[in-house]
């Protein structure tokens, strides 16, 4: 009886673990290019914009002359500029899809907090 209970417990634990692994690998990270539907060229331009503004954000964060409040304001301005440049490259339909993509990424990041 103890062996049967041990086998049942063992198989249940590994069954749940296998299912959890399957679920986590089944949900892949959303692809900007696929979700928004941009061309290869536009995708590259957007990657370049993001890289430029990431560098600016790193400079803001490492600026010792700014206090936390000023850094927060500068980061917000930086993000607004970045979004403006990205939106300028997108059609109205793509802008809607871009918002959907941002929501998908937020959900994906919450589900995969690595």
C-alpha atoms as a PDB file:
ATOM      1  CA  UNK A   1       0.000   0.000   0.000  1.00  0.00           C
ATOM      2  CA  UNK A   2       2.837   2.386   0.852  1.00  0.00           C
ATOM      3  CA  UNK A   3       4.541   1.601  -2.461  1.00  0.00           C
ATOM      4  CA  UNK A   4       1.341   2.334  -4.367  1.00  0.00           C
ATOM      5  CA  UNK A   5       0.925   5.632  -2.556  1.00  0.00           C
ATOM      6  CA  UNK A   6       4.574   6.545  -3.208  1.00  0.00           C
ATOM      7  CA  UNK A   7       4.243   5.712  -6.909  1.00  0.00           C
ATOM      8  CA  UNK A   8       1.034   7.741  -7.167  1.00  0.00           C
ATOM      9  CA  UNK A   9       2.635  10.720  -5.421  1.00  0.00           C
ATOM     10  CA  UNK A  10       5.782  10.444  -7.552  1.00  0.00           C
ATOM     11  CA  UNK A  11       3.855  10.300 -10.831  1.00  0.00           C
ATOM     12  CA  UNK A  12       1.630  13.218  -9.826  1.00  0.00           C
ATOM     13  CA  UNK A  13       4.592  15.457  -8.944  1.00  0.00           C
ATOM     14  CA  UNK A  14       6.429  14.704 -12.176  1.00  0.00           C
ATOM     15  CA  UNK A  15       3.245  14.981 -14.218  1.00  0.00           C
ATOM     16  CA  UNK A  16       2.581  18.466 -12.878  1.00  0.00           C
ATOM     17  CA  UNK A  17       6.211  19.484 -13.426  1.00  0.00           C
ATOM     18  CA  UNK A  18       6.140  18.225 -17.020  1.00  0.00           C
ATOM     19  CA  UNK A  19       2.899  20.104 -17.714  1.00  0.00           C
ATOM     20  CA  UNK A  20       4.318  23.326 -16.251  1.00  0.00           C
ATOM     21  CA  UNK A  21       7.402  23.036 -18.444  1.00  0.00           C
ATOM     22  CA  UNK A  22       5.233  22.397 -21.499  1.00  0.00           C
ATOM     23  CA  UNK A  23       3.087  25.457 -20.735  1.00  0.00           C
ATOM     24  CA  UNK A  24       6.101  27.748 -20.290  1.00  0.00           C
ATOM     25  CA  UNK A  25       7.755  26.684 -23.542  1.00  0.00           C
ATOM     26  CA  UNK A  26       4.478  26.868 -25.458  1.00  0.00           C
ATOM     27  CA  UNK A  27       4.112  30.595 -24.876  1.00  0.00           C
ATOM     28  CA  UNK A  28       6.844  32.256 -26.861  1.00  0.00           C
ATOM     29  CA  UNK A  29       7.767  35.905 -26.648  1.00  0.00           C
ATOM     30  CA  UNK A  30       5.669  38.022 -29.010  1.00  0.00           C
ATOM     31  CA  UNK A  31       7.555  39.225 -32.092  1.00  0.00           C
ATOM     32  CA  UNK A  32       7.275  42.957 -32.772  1.00  0.00           C
ATOM     33  CA  UNK A  33       7.662  42.448 -36.507  1.00  0.00           C
ATOM     34  CA  UNK A  34       4.963  39.757 -36.631  1.00  0.00           C
ATOM     35  CA  UNK A  35       2.437  41.410 -34.319  1.00  0.00           C
ATOM     36  CA  UNK A  36       2.715  44.939 -35.709  1.00  0.00           C
ATOM     37  CA  UNK A  37       3.357  43.854 -39.293  1.00  0.00           C
ATOM     38  CA  UNK A  38       6.279  46.089 -40.192  1.00  0.00           C
ATOM     39  CA  UNK A  39       8.790  45.633 -42.988  1.00  0.00           C
ATOM     40  CA  UNK A  40      12.340  44.506 -42.364  1.00  0.00           C
ATOM     41  CA  UNK A  41      13.592  48.047 -42.962  1.00  0.00           C
ATOM     42  CA  UNK A  42      11.102  49.629 -40.557  1.00  0.00           C
ATOM     43  CA  UNK A  43      11.883  46.976 -37.970  1.00  0.00           C
ATOM     44  CA  UNK A  44      15.584  47.833 -38.206  1.00  0.00           C
ATOM     45  CA  UNK A  45      14.887  51.577 -37.934  1.00  0.00           C
ATOM     46  CA  UNK A  46      12.860  50.953 -34.783  1.00  0.00           C
ATOM     47  CA  UNK A  47      15.630  48.793 -33.311  1.00  0.00           C
ATOM     48  CA  UNK A  48      18.058  51.635 -33.999  1.00  0.00           C
ATOM     49  CA  UNK A  49      15.744  54.143 -32.290  1.00  0.00           C
ATOM     50  CA  UNK A  50      15.384  51.874 -29.260  1.00  0.00           C
ATOM     51  CA  UNK A  51      19.160  51.434 -29.034  1.00  0.00           C
ATOM     52  CA  UNK A  52      19.696  55.203 -29.242  1.00  0.00           C
ATOM     53  CA  UNK A  53      17.200  55.904 -26.490  1.00  0.00           C
ATOM     54  CA  UNK A  54      18.439  53.051 -24.321  1.00  0.00           C
ATOM     55  CA  UNK A  55      21.882  54.680 -24.402  1.00  0.00           C
ATOM     56  CA  UNK A  56      20.317  58.010 -23.447  1.00  0.00           C
ATOM     57  CA  UNK A  57      18.474  56.363 -20.549  1.00  0.00           C
ATOM     58  CA  UNK A  58      21.679  54.762 -19.298  1.00  0.00           C
ATOM     59  CA  UNK A  59      23.341  58.185 -19.412  1.00  0.00           C
ATOM     60  CA  UNK A  60      20.464  59.666 -17.408  1.00  0.00           C
ATOM     61  CA  UNK A  61      20.692  56.933 -14.786  1.00  0.00           C
ATOM     62  CA  UNK A  62      24.439  57.319 -14.406  1.00  0.00           C
ATOM     63  CA  UNK A  63      24.313  61.140 -14.194  1.00  0.00           C
ATOM     64  CA  UNK A  64      25.337  61.858 -10.605  1.00  0.00           C
ATOM     65  CA  UNK A  65      24.266  65.496 -10.889  1.00  0.00           C
ATOM     66  CA  UNK A  66      20.587  64.470 -11.074  1.00  0.00           C
ATOM     67  CA  UNK A  67      18.515  63.447  -8.072  1.00  0.00           C
ATOM     68  CA  UNK A  68      15.980  60.601  -8.325  1.00  0.00           C
ATOM     69  CA  UNK A  69      13.084  62.929  -9.133  1.00  0.00           C
ATOM     70  CA  UNK A  70      15.003  64.630 -11.964  1.00  0.00           C
ATOM     71  CA  UNK A  71      16.074  61.245 -13.320  1.00  0.00           C
ATOM     72  CA  UNK A  72      12.454  60.095 -13.347  1.00  0.00           C
ATOM     73  CA  UNK A  73      11.385  63.221 -15.251  1.00  0.00           C
ATOM     74  CA  UNK A  74      14.239  62.850 -17.775  1.00  0.00           C
ATOM     75  CA  UNK A  75      13.428  59.143 -18.278  1.00  0.00           C
ATOM     76  CA  UNK A  76       9.780  60.022 -18.925  1.00  0.00           C
ATOM     77  CA  UNK A  77      10.788  62.677 -21.479  1.00  0.00           C
ATOM     78  CA  UNK A  78      13.191  60.238 -23.096  1.00  0.00           C
ATOM     79  CA  UNK A  79      10.467  57.595 -23.393  1.00  0.00           C
ATOM     80  CA  UNK A  80       8.012  60.101 -24.878  1.00  0.00           C
ATOM     81  CA  UNK A  81      10.560  61.132 -27.524  1.00  0.00           C
ATOM     82  CA  UNK A  82      11.275  57.491 -28.343  1.00  0.00           C
ATOM     83  CA  UNK A  83       7.573  56.665 -28.710  1.00  0.00           C
ATOM     84  CA  UNK A  84       7.058  59.738 -30.903  1.00  0.00           C
ATOM     85  CA  UNK A  85       9.851  58.667 -33.257  1.00  0.00           C
ATOM     86  CA  UNK A  86       8.565  55.090 -33.412  1.00  0.00           C
ATOM     87  CA  UNK A  87       4.986  56.189 -34.039  1.00  0.00           C
ATOM     88  CA  UNK A  88       6.175  58.441 -36.878  1.00  0.00           C
ATOM     89  CA  UNK A  89       7.356  55.320 -38.713  1.00  0.00           C
ATOM     90  CA  UNK A  90       4.066  53.430 -38.268  1.00  0.00           C
ATOM     91  CA  UNK A  91       0.770  53.620 -40.130  1.00  0.00           C
ATOM     92  CA  UNK A  92      -2.398  54.267 -38.076  1.00  0.00           C
ATOM     93  CA  UNK A  93      -3.228  50.537 -38.207  1.00  0.00           C
ATOM     94  CA  UNK A  94       0.271  49.626 -37.074  1.00  0.00           C
ATOM     95  CA  UNK A  95       0.036  52.101 -34.197  1.00  0.00           C
ATOM     96  CA  UNK A  96      -3.023  50.234 -32.911  1.00  0.00           C
ATOM     97  CA  UNK A  97      -1.167  46.940 -33.275  1.00  0.00           C
ATOM     98  CA  UNK A  98       1.859  48.492 -31.522  1.00  0.00           C
ATOM     99  CA  UNK A  99      -0.290  49.250 -28.473  1.00  0.00           C
ATOM    100  CA  UNK A 100      -1.554  45.652 -28.563  1.00  0.00           C
ATOM    101  CA  UNK A 101       2.044  44.434 -28.819  1.00  0.00           C
ATOM    102  CA  UNK A 102       3.048  46.492 -25.778  1.00  0.00           C
ATOM    103  CA  UNK A 103       0.186  44.920 -23.799  1.00  0.00           C
ATOM    104  CA  UNK A 104       1.210  41.430 -24.954  1.00  0.00           C
ATOM    105  CA  UNK A 105       4.811  42.082 -23.922  1.00  0.00           C
ATOM    106  CA  UNK A 106       3.725  43.354 -20.520  1.00  0.00           C
ATOM    107  CA  UNK A 107       1.704  40.168 -19.967  1.00  0.00           C
ATOM    108  CA  UNK A 108       4.558  38.000 -21.251  1.00  0.00           C
ATOM    109  CA  UNK A 109       7.065  39.689 -18.927  1.00  0.00           C
ATOM    110  CA  UNK A 110       4.745  39.174 -15.951  1.00  0.00           C
ATOM    111  CA  UNK A 111       4.443  35.477 -16.856  1.00  0.00           C
ATOM    112  CA  UNK A 112       8.231  35.148 -17.366  1.00  0.00           C
ATOM    113  CA  UNK A 113       9.914  37.198 -14.607  1.00  0.00           C
ATOM    114  CA  UNK A 114      13.502  36.234 -15.357  1.00  0.00           C
END
